[in-house]
Full PDB file with SEQRES, HELIX, SHEET, SSBOND, CRYST1, ORIGX, SCALE, CONECT and MASTER records, all heavy atoms in Angstrom:
SEQRES   1 A   34  MET GLN SER LEU GLY ASP THR VAL TYR LEU ASP THR LYS          
SEQRES   2 A   34  GLN HIS ARG ALA LEU ARG ALA THR LEU GLU SER ALA ARG          
SEQRES   3 A   34  ALA ASP ALA ALA LYS PRO VAL THR                              
HELIX    1 AA1 THR A   12  ALA A   30  1                                  19    
CRYST1    1.000    1.000    1.000  90.00  90.00  90.00 P 1           1          
ORIGX1      1.000000  0.000000  0.000000        0.00000                         
ORIGX2      0.000000  1.000000  0.000000        0.00000                         
ORIGX3      0.000000  0.000000  1.000000        0.00000                         
SCALE1      1.000000  0.000000  0.000000        0.00000                         
SCALE2      0.000000  1.000000  0.000000        0.00000                         
SCALE3      0.000000  0.000000  1.000000        0.00000                         
ATOM      1  N   MET A   1     123.426 124.663  79.161  1.00  0.00           N  
ATOM      2  CA  MET A   1     124.570 124.541  80.130  1.00  0.00           C  
ATOM      3  C   MET A   1     124.342 123.212  80.831  1.00  0.00           C  
ATOM      4  O   MET A   1     123.333 122.979  81.469  1.00  0.00           O  
ATOM      5  CB  MET A   1     124.556 125.666  81.136  1.00  0.00           C  
ATOM      6  CG  MET A   1     124.747 126.965  80.361  1.00  0.00           C  
ATOM      7  SD  MET A   1     124.719 128.373  81.493  1.00  0.00           S  
ATOM      8  CE  MET A   1     126.195 128.077  82.446  1.00  0.00           C  
ATOM      9  N   GLN A   2     125.376 122.363  80.887  1.00  0.00           N  
ATOM     10  CA  GLN A   2     125.231 121.042  81.400  1.00  0.00           C  
ATOM     11  C   GLN A   2     125.844 120.889  82.800  1.00  0.00           C  
ATOM     12  O   GLN A   2     126.468 119.834  83.132  1.00  0.00           O  
ATOM     13  CB  GLN A   2     125.944 120.000  80.456  1.00  0.00           C  
ATOM     14  CG  GLN A   2     125.378 120.090  79.040  1.00  0.00           C  
ATOM     15  CD  GLN A   2     123.987 119.622  78.982  1.00  0.00           C  
ATOM     16  OE1 GLN A   2     123.500 118.821  79.736  1.00  0.00           O  
ATOM     17  NE2 GLN A   2     123.244 120.069  77.948  1.00  0.00           N  
ATOM     18  N   SER A   3     125.815 121.921  83.635  1.00  0.00           N  
ATOM     19  CA  SER A   3     126.414 121.911  84.937  1.00  0.00           C  
ATOM     20  C   SER A   3     125.625 120.960  85.825  1.00  0.00           C  
ATOM     21  O   SER A   3     124.506 121.236  86.217  1.00  0.00           O  
ATOM     22  CB  SER A   3     126.446 123.315  85.536  1.00  0.00           C  
ATOM     23  OG  SER A   3     126.899 123.331  86.763  1.00  0.00           O  
ATOM     24  N   LEU A   4     126.227 119.818  86.167  1.00  0.00           N  
ATOM     25  CA  LEU A   4     125.561 118.850  87.023  1.00  0.00           C  
ATOM     26  C   LEU A   4     125.194 119.412  88.385  1.00  0.00           C  
ATOM     27  O   LEU A   4     125.977 120.057  89.013  1.00  0.00           O  
ATOM     28  CB  LEU A   4     126.436 117.609  87.199  1.00  0.00           C  
ATOM     29  CG  LEU A   4     126.728 116.739  85.978  1.00  0.00           C  
ATOM     30  CD1 LEU A   4     127.646 115.630  86.283  1.00  0.00           C  
ATOM     31  CD2 LEU A   4     125.377 116.098  85.504  1.00  0.00           C  
ATOM     32  N   GLY A   5     123.979 119.146  88.787  1.00  0.00           N  
ATOM     33  CA  GLY A   5     123.550 119.636  90.096  1.00  0.00           C  
ATOM     34  C   GLY A   5     122.841 120.943  90.035  1.00  0.00           C  
ATOM     35  O   GLY A   5     122.098 121.374  90.881  1.00  0.00           O  
ATOM     36  N   ASP A   6     123.062 121.735  88.855  1.00  0.00           N  
ATOM     37  CA  ASP A   6     122.405 123.036  88.830  1.00  0.00           C  
ATOM     38  C   ASP A   6     121.168 123.017  87.892  1.00  0.00           C  
ATOM     39  O   ASP A   6     120.360 123.872  87.975  1.00  0.00           O  
ATOM     40  CB  ASP A   6     123.446 124.083  88.262  1.00  0.00           C  
ATOM     41  CG  ASP A   6     124.457 124.402  89.318  1.00  0.00           C  
ATOM     42  OD1 ASP A   6     124.199 124.145  90.490  1.00  0.00           O  
ATOM     43  OD2 ASP A   6     125.584 124.890  88.918  1.00  0.00           O  
ATOM     44  N   THR A   7     121.137 122.084  86.973  1.00  0.00           N  
ATOM     45  CA  THR A   7     120.125 122.084  85.935  1.00  0.00           C  
ATOM     46  C   THR A   7     119.228 120.830  86.108  1.00  0.00           C  
ATOM     47  O   THR A   7     119.720 119.750  86.318  1.00  0.00           O  
ATOM     48  CB  THR A   7     120.776 122.026  84.541  1.00  0.00           C  
ATOM     49  OG1 THR A   7     121.665 123.163  84.459  1.00  0.00           O  
ATOM     50  CG2 THR A   7     119.673 122.175  83.544  1.00  0.00           C  
ATOM     51  N   VAL A   8     117.894 121.096  86.068  1.00  0.00           N  
ATOM     52  CA  VAL A   8     116.983 119.946  86.093  1.00  0.00           C  
ATOM     53  C   VAL A   8     116.324 119.757  84.784  1.00  0.00           C  
ATOM     54  O   VAL A   8     115.756 120.752  84.227  1.00  0.00           O  
ATOM     55  CB  VAL A   8     115.887 120.253  87.163  1.00  0.00           C  
ATOM     56  CG1 VAL A   8     115.008 119.034  87.383  1.00  0.00           C  
ATOM     57  CG2 VAL A   8     116.533 120.636  88.476  1.00  0.00           C  
ATOM     58  N   TYR A   9     116.399 118.593  84.181  1.00  0.00           N  
ATOM     59  CA  TYR A   9     115.774 118.291  82.928  1.00  0.00           C  
ATOM     60  C   TYR A   9     114.489 117.402  83.231  1.00  0.00           C  
ATOM     61  O   TYR A   9     114.787 116.246  83.580  1.00  0.00           O  
ATOM     62  CB  TYR A   9     116.733 117.592  81.964  1.00  0.00           C  
ATOM     63  CG  TYR A   9     117.934 118.414  81.624  1.00  0.00           C  
ATOM     64  CD1 TYR A   9     119.076 118.402  82.323  1.00  0.00           C  
ATOM     65  CD2 TYR A   9     117.857 119.336  80.590  1.00  0.00           C  
ATOM     66  CE1 TYR A   9     120.174 119.163  82.029  1.00  0.00           C  
ATOM     67  CE2 TYR A   9     118.892 120.153  80.229  1.00  0.00           C  
ATOM     68  CZ  TYR A   9     120.079 120.067  80.946  1.00  0.00           C  
ATOM     69  OH  TYR A   9     121.104 120.849  80.620  1.00  0.00           O  
ATOM     70  N   LEU A  10     113.353 117.916  83.102  1.00  0.00           N  
ATOM     71  CA  LEU A  10     112.165 117.113  83.464  1.00  0.00           C  
ATOM     72  C   LEU A  10     111.103 117.204  82.314  1.00  0.00           C  
ATOM     73  O   LEU A  10     110.838 118.341  81.864  1.00  0.00           O  
ATOM     74  CB  LEU A  10     111.556 117.745  84.742  1.00  0.00           C  
ATOM     75  CG  LEU A  10     112.305 117.615  85.985  1.00  0.00           C  
ATOM     76  CD1 LEU A  10     111.561 118.281  87.128  1.00  0.00           C  
ATOM     77  CD2 LEU A  10     112.534 116.112  86.373  1.00  0.00           C  
ATOM     78  N   ASP A  11     110.623 116.049  81.905  1.00  0.00           N  
ATOM     79  CA  ASP A  11     109.475 116.046  81.068  1.00  0.00           C  
ATOM     80  C   ASP A  11     108.264 115.798  82.017  1.00  0.00           C  
ATOM     81  O   ASP A  11     108.421 115.802  83.229  1.00  0.00           O  
ATOM     82  CB  ASP A  11     109.495 114.965  80.028  1.00  0.00           C  
ATOM     83  CG  ASP A  11     109.700 113.579  80.569  1.00  0.00           C  
ATOM     84  OD1 ASP A  11     109.381 113.387  81.788  1.00  0.00           O  
ATOM     85  OD2 ASP A  11     110.194 112.716  79.804  1.00  0.00           O  
ATOM     86  N   THR A  12     107.055 115.721  81.420  1.00  0.00           N  
ATOM     87  CA  THR A  12     105.808 115.599  82.326  1.00  0.00           C  
ATOM     88  C   THR A  12     105.902 114.430  83.223  1.00  0.00           C  
ATOM     89  O   THR A  12     105.580 114.499  84.388  1.00  0.00           O  
ATOM     90  CB  THR A  12     104.609 115.592  81.411  1.00  0.00           C  
ATOM     91  OG1 THR A  12     104.578 116.738  80.564  1.00  0.00           O  
ATOM     92  CG2 THR A  12     103.310 115.514  82.244  1.00  0.00           C  
ATOM     93  N   LYS A  13     106.321 113.241  82.644  1.00  0.00           N  
ATOM     94  CA  LYS A  13     106.331 112.016  83.521  1.00  0.00           C  
ATOM     95  C   LYS A  13     107.362 112.150  84.605  1.00  0.00           C  
ATOM     96  O   LYS A  13     107.118 111.783  85.745  1.00  0.00           O  
ATOM     97  CB  LYS A  13     106.723 110.796  82.598  1.00  0.00           C  
ATOM     98  CG  LYS A  13     105.652 110.437  81.589  1.00  0.00           C  
ATOM     99  CD  LYS A  13     106.057 109.223  80.776  1.00  0.00           C  
ATOM    100  CE  LYS A  13     104.953 108.763  79.805  1.00  0.00           C  
ATOM    101  NZ  LYS A  13     105.316 107.640  79.001  1.00  0.00           N  
ATOM    102  N   GLN A  14     108.549 112.794  84.326  1.00  0.00           N  
ATOM    103  CA  GLN A  14     109.517 112.916  85.376  1.00  0.00           C  
ATOM    104  C   GLN A  14     109.074 113.938  86.427  1.00  0.00           C  
ATOM    105  O   GLN A  14     109.294 113.690  87.623  1.00  0.00           O  
ATOM    106  CB  GLN A  14     110.824 113.470  84.766  1.00  0.00           C  
ATOM    107  CG  GLN A  14     111.591 112.403  83.867  1.00  0.00           C  
ATOM    108  CD  GLN A  14     112.758 113.056  83.243  1.00  0.00           C  
ATOM    109  OE1 GLN A  14     112.668 114.197  82.708  1.00  0.00           O  
ATOM    110  NE2 GLN A  14     113.853 112.376  83.264  1.00  0.00           N  
ATOM    111  N   HIS A  15     108.301 114.948  85.986  1.00  0.00           N  
ATOM    112  CA  HIS A  15     107.702 115.855  86.943  1.00  0.00           C  
ATOM    113  C   HIS A  15     106.789 115.133  87.926  1.00  0.00           C  
ATOM    114  O   HIS A  15     106.812 115.381  89.174  1.00  0.00           O  
ATOM    115  CB  HIS A  15     106.992 116.972  86.187  1.00  0.00           C  
ATOM    116  CG  HIS A  15     106.594 118.166  87.039  1.00  0.00           C  
ATOM    117  ND1 HIS A  15     105.977 119.225  86.486  1.00  0.00           N  
ATOM    118  CD2 HIS A  15     106.720 118.380  88.358  1.00  0.00           C  
ATOM    119  CE1 HIS A  15     105.694 120.065  87.500  1.00  0.00           C  
ATOM    120  NE2 HIS A  15     106.102 119.561  88.625  1.00  0.00           N  
ATOM    121  N   ARG A  16     105.899 114.350  87.371  1.00  0.00           N  
ATOM    122  CA  ARG A  16     104.983 113.601  88.198  1.00  0.00           C  
ATOM    123  C   ARG A  16     105.678 112.592  89.118  1.00  0.00           C  
ATOM    124  O   ARG A  16     105.309 112.495  90.307  1.00  0.00           O  
ATOM    125  CB  ARG A  16     103.983 112.833  87.344  1.00  0.00           C  
ATOM    126  CG  ARG A  16     102.998 113.727  86.577  1.00  0.00           C  
ATOM    127  CD  ARG A  16     102.161 112.892  85.579  1.00  0.00           C  
ATOM    128  NE  ARG A  16     101.267 113.740  84.840  1.00  0.00           N  
ATOM    129  CZ  ARG A  16     100.572 113.272  83.752  1.00  0.00           C  
ATOM    130  NH1 ARG A  16     100.718 112.014  83.409  1.00  0.00           N  
ATOM    131  NH2 ARG A  16      99.726 114.123  83.113  1.00  0.00           N  
ATOM    132  N   ALA A  17     106.731 112.008  88.585  1.00  0.00           N  
ATOM    133  CA  ALA A  17     107.509 111.037  89.464  1.00  0.00           C  
ATOM    134  C   ALA A  17     108.164 111.777  90.562  1.00  0.00           C  
ATOM    135  O   ALA A  17     108.255 111.256  91.714  1.00  0.00           O  
ATOM    136  CB  ALA A  17     108.529 110.288  88.581  1.00  0.00           C  
ATOM    137  N   LEU A  18     108.762 112.950  90.317  1.00  0.00           N  
ATOM    138  CA  LEU A  18     109.401 113.718  91.394  1.00  0.00           C  
ATOM    139  C   LEU A  18     108.366 114.044  92.499  1.00  0.00           C  
ATOM    140  O   LEU A  18     108.747 113.914  93.675  1.00  0.00           O  
ATOM    141  CB  LEU A  18     109.999 114.979  90.774  1.00  0.00           C  
ATOM    142  CG  LEU A  18     110.877 115.823  91.678  1.00  0.00           C  
ATOM    143  CD1 LEU A  18     111.935 116.563  90.840  1.00  0.00           C  
ATOM    144  CD2 LEU A  18     110.069 116.834  92.503  1.00  0.00           C  
ATOM    145  N   ARG A  19     107.246 114.558  92.101  1.00  0.00           N  
ATOM    146  CA  ARG A  19     106.244 114.911  93.070  1.00  0.00           C  
ATOM    147  C   ARG A  19     105.808 113.664  93.910  1.00  0.00           C  
ATOM    148  O   ARG A  19     105.679 113.748  95.146  1.00  0.00           O  
ATOM    149  CB  ARG A  19     105.031 115.532  92.393  1.00  0.00           C  
ATOM    150  CG  ARG A  19     105.274 116.947  91.850  1.00  0.00           C  
ATOM    151  CD  ARG A  19     104.063 117.532  91.254  1.00  0.00           C  
ATOM    152  NE  ARG A  19     104.197 118.910  90.907  1.00  0.00           N  
ATOM    153  CZ  ARG A  19     103.330 119.648  90.260  1.00  0.00           C  
ATOM    154  NH1 ARG A  19     102.146 119.084  89.930  1.00  0.00           N  
ATOM    155  NH2 ARG A  19     103.592 120.847  89.948  1.00  0.00           N  
ATOM    156  N   ALA A  20     105.637 112.540  93.235  1.00  0.00           N  
ATOM    157  CA  ALA A  20     105.184 111.345  93.903  1.00  0.00           C  
ATOM    158  C   ALA A  20     106.284 110.852  94.887  1.00  0.00           C  
ATOM    159  O   ALA A  20     105.979 110.428  96.049  1.00  0.00           O  
ATOM    160  CB  ALA A  20     104.915 110.178  92.903  1.00  0.00           C  
ATOM    161  N   THR A  21     107.554 110.987  94.537  1.00  0.00           N  
ATOM    162  CA  THR A  21     108.639 110.588  95.394  1.00  0.00           C  
ATOM    163  C   THR A  21     108.699 111.476  96.599  1.00  0.00           C  
ATOM    164  O   THR A  21     108.929 111.009  97.807  1.00  0.00           O  
ATOM    165  CB  THR A  21     109.970 110.634  94.639  1.00  0.00           C  
ATOM    166  OG1 THR A  21     109.867 109.765  93.567  1.00  0.00           O  
ATOM    167  CG2 THR A  21     111.097 110.141  95.548  1.00  0.00           C  
ATOM    168  N   LEU A  22     108.516 112.780  96.380  1.00  0.00           N  
ATOM    169  CA  LEU A  22     108.584 113.732  97.499  1.00  0.00           C  
ATOM    170  C   LEU A  22     107.429 113.451  98.462  1.00  0.00           C  
ATOM    171  O   LEU A  22     107.665 113.461  99.688  1.00  0.00           O  
ATOM    172  CB  LEU A  22     108.482 115.209  96.966  1.00  0.00           C  
ATOM    173  CG  LEU A  22     108.516 116.309  98.009  1.00  0.00           C  
ATOM    174  CD1 LEU A  22     109.724 116.203  98.868  1.00  0.00           C  
ATOM    175  CD2 LEU A  22     108.401 117.636  97.332  1.00  0.00           C  
ATOM    176  N   GLU A  23     106.212 113.215  97.892  1.00  0.00           N  
ATOM    177  CA  GLU A  23     105.095 112.960  98.800  1.00  0.00           C  
ATOM    178  C   GLU A  23     105.338 111.678  99.593  1.00  0.00           C  
ATOM    179  O   GLU A  23     104.922 111.590 100.729  1.00  0.00           O  
ATOM    180  CB  GLU A  23     103.829 112.875  97.993  1.00  0.00           C  
ATOM    181  CG  GLU A  23     103.415 114.241  97.406  1.00  0.00           C  
ATOM    182  CD  GLU A  23     102.183 114.105  96.440  1.00  0.00           C  
ATOM    183  OE1 GLU A  23     101.793 112.973  96.225  1.00  0.00           O  
ATOM    184  OE2 GLU A  23     101.777 115.203  95.890  1.00  0.00           O  
ATOM    185  N   SER A  24     106.009 110.662  98.906  1.00  0.00           N  
ATOM    186  CA  SER A  24     106.204 109.389  99.603  1.00  0.00           C  
ATOM    187  C   SER A  24     107.192 109.618 100.774  1.00  0.00           C  
ATOM    188  O   SER A  24     107.038 109.074 101.833  1.00  0.00           O  
ATOM    189  CB  SER A  24     106.764 108.386  98.630  1.00  0.00           C  
ATOM    190  OG  SER A  24     107.143 107.206  99.311  1.00  0.00           O  
ATOM    191  N   ALA A  25     108.260 110.389 100.538  1.00  0.00           N  
ATOM    192  CA  ALA A  25     109.225 110.695 101.565  1.00  0.00           C  
ATOM    193  C   ALA A  25     108.548 111.396 102.736  1.00  0.00           C  
ATOM    194  O   ALA A  25     108.876 111.108 103.897  1.00  0.00           O  
ATOM    195  CB  ALA A  25     110.390 111.497 100.954  1.00  0.00           C  
ATOM    196  N   ARG A  26     107.699 112.323 102.463  1.00  0.00           N  
ATOM    197  CA  ARG A  26     106.979 113.091 103.499  1.00  0.00           C  
ATOM    198  C   ARG A  26     106.113 112.155 104.269  1.00  0.00           C  
ATOM    199  O   ARG A  26     106.014 112.264 105.509  1.00  0.00           O  
ATOM    200  CB  ARG A  26     106.233 114.235 102.899  1.00  0.00           C  
ATOM    201  CG  ARG A  26     107.105 115.434 102.409  1.00  0.00           C  
ATOM    202  CD  ARG A  26     106.314 116.374 101.672  1.00  0.00           C  
ATOM    203  NE  ARG A  26     107.118 117.557 101.323  1.00  0.00           N  
ATOM    204  CZ  ARG A  26     106.743 118.471 100.433  1.00  0.00           C  
ATOM    205  NH1 ARG A  26     105.575 118.424  99.858  1.00  0.00           N  
ATOM    206  NH2 ARG A  26     107.538 119.541 100.141  1.00  0.00           N  
ATOM    207  N   ALA A  27     105.433 111.177 103.578  1.00  0.00           N  
ATOM    208  CA  ALA A  27     104.563 110.316 104.232  1.00  0.00           C  
ATOM    209  C   ALA A  27     105.324 109.400 105.188  1.00  0.00           C  
ATOM    210  O   ALA A  27     104.895 109.028 106.322  1.00  0.00           O  
ATOM    211  CB  ALA A  27     103.782 109.472 103.189  1.00  0.00           C  
ATOM    212  N   ASP A  28     106.476 108.853 104.680  1.00  0.00           N  
ATOM    213  CA  ASP A  28     107.372 108.033 105.553  1.00  0.00           C  
ATOM    214  C   ASP A  28     107.801 108.780 106.754  1.00  0.00           C  
ATOM    215  O   ASP A  28     107.857 108.192 107.877  1.00  0.00           O  
ATOM    216  CB  ASP A  28     108.538 107.568 104.783  1.00  0.00           C  
ATOM    217  CG  ASP A  28     108.226 106.539 103.666  1.00  0.00           C  
ATOM    218  OD1 ASP A  28     107.098 105.989 103.712  1.00  0.00           O  
ATOM    219  OD2 ASP A  28     109.030 106.369 102.759  1.00  0.00           O  
ATOM    220  N   ALA A  29     108.103 110.061 106.623  1.00  0.00           N  
ATOM    221  CA  ALA A  29     108.559 110.879 107.734  1.00  0.00           C  
ATOM    222  C   ALA A  29     107.475 111.035 108.766  1.00  0.00           C  
ATOM    223  O   ALA A  29     107.721 111.207 109.995  1.00  0.00           O  
ATOM    224  CB  ALA A  29     109.102 112.253 107.292  1.00  0.00           C  
ATOM    225  N   ALA A  30     106.189 111.056 108.302  1.00  0.00           N  
ATOM    226  CA  ALA A  30     105.033 111.269 109.196  1.00  0.00           C  
ATOM    227  C   ALA A  30     104.593 110.021 109.926  1.00  0.00           C  
ATOM    228  O   ALA A  30     103.802 110.115 110.866  1.00  0.00           O  
ATOM    229  CB  ALA A  30     103.886 111.859 108.380  1.00  0.00           C  
ATOM    230  N   LYS A  31     105.080 108.839 109.477  1.00  0.00           N  
ATOM    231  CA  LYS A  31     104.649 107.614 110.111  1.00  0.00           C  
ATOM    232  C   LYS A  31     105.143 107.534 111.559  1.00  0.00           C  
ATOM    233  O   LYS A  31     106.340 107.864 111.810  1.00  0.00           O  
ATOM    234  CB  LYS A  31     105.148 106.420 109.325  1.00  0.00           C  
ATOM    235  CG  LYS A  31     104.463 106.248 108.006  1.00  0.00           C  
ATOM    236  CD  LYS A  31     105.034 105.022 107.275  1.00  0.00           C  
ATOM    237  CE  LYS A  31     104.379 104.849 105.961  1.00  0.00           C  
ATOM    238  NZ  LYS A  31     104.937 103.645 105.188  1.00  0.00           N  
ATOM    239  N   PRO A  32     104.337 107.074 112.510  1.00  0.00           N  
ATOM    240  CA  PRO A  32     104.807 106.915 113.868  1.00  0.00           C  
ATOM    241  C   PRO A  32     105.907 105.867 113.984  1.00  0.00           C  
ATOM    242  O   PRO A  32     105.814 104.856 113.293  1.00  0.00           O  
ATOM    243  CB  PRO A  32     103.523 106.550 114.685  1.00  0.00           C  
ATOM    244  CG  PRO A  32     102.665 105.950 113.614  1.00  0.00           C  
ATOM    245  CD  PRO A  32     102.880 106.699 112.331  1.00  0.00           C  
ATOM    246  N   VAL A  33     106.861 106.132 114.789  1.00  0.00           N  
ATOM    247  CA  VAL A  33     107.944 105.176 114.988  1.00  0.00           C  
ATOM    248  C   VAL A  33     107.643 104.359 116.193  1.00  0.00           C  
ATOM    249  O   VAL A  33     107.386 104.868 117.265  1.00  0.00           O  
ATOM    250  CB  VAL A  33     109.331 105.891 115.172  1.00  0.00           C  
ATOM    251  CG1 VAL A  33     110.395 104.896 115.391  1.00  0.00           C  
ATOM    252  CG2 VAL A  33     109.548 106.762 113.930  1.00  0.00           C  
ATOM    253  N   THR A  34     107.619 103.011 116.043  1.00  0.00           N  
ATOM    254  CA  THR A  34     107.392 102.111 117.177  1.00  0.00           C  
ATOM    255  C   THR A  34     108.579 102.101 118.065  1.00  0.00           C  
ATOM    256  O   THR A  34     109.696 101.851 117.678  1.00  0.00           O  
ATOM    257  CB  THR A  34     107.093 100.674 116.648  1.00  0.00           C  
ATOM    258  OG1 THR A  34     106.056 100.689 115.702  1.00  0.00           O  
ATOM    259  CG2 THR A  34     106.816  99.737 117.842  1.00  0.00           C  
TER     260      THR A  34                                                      
MASTER        0    0    0    1    0    0    0    6  259    1    0    3          
END                                                                             
């Protein structure tokens, strides 16, 4: 089923990239704001 937004197609590299992006976003959110 090709319903956009409902289905995630991930191979191993994409899985690692997703986790890295999420961790990066969380790290940015944790940085103190001057």
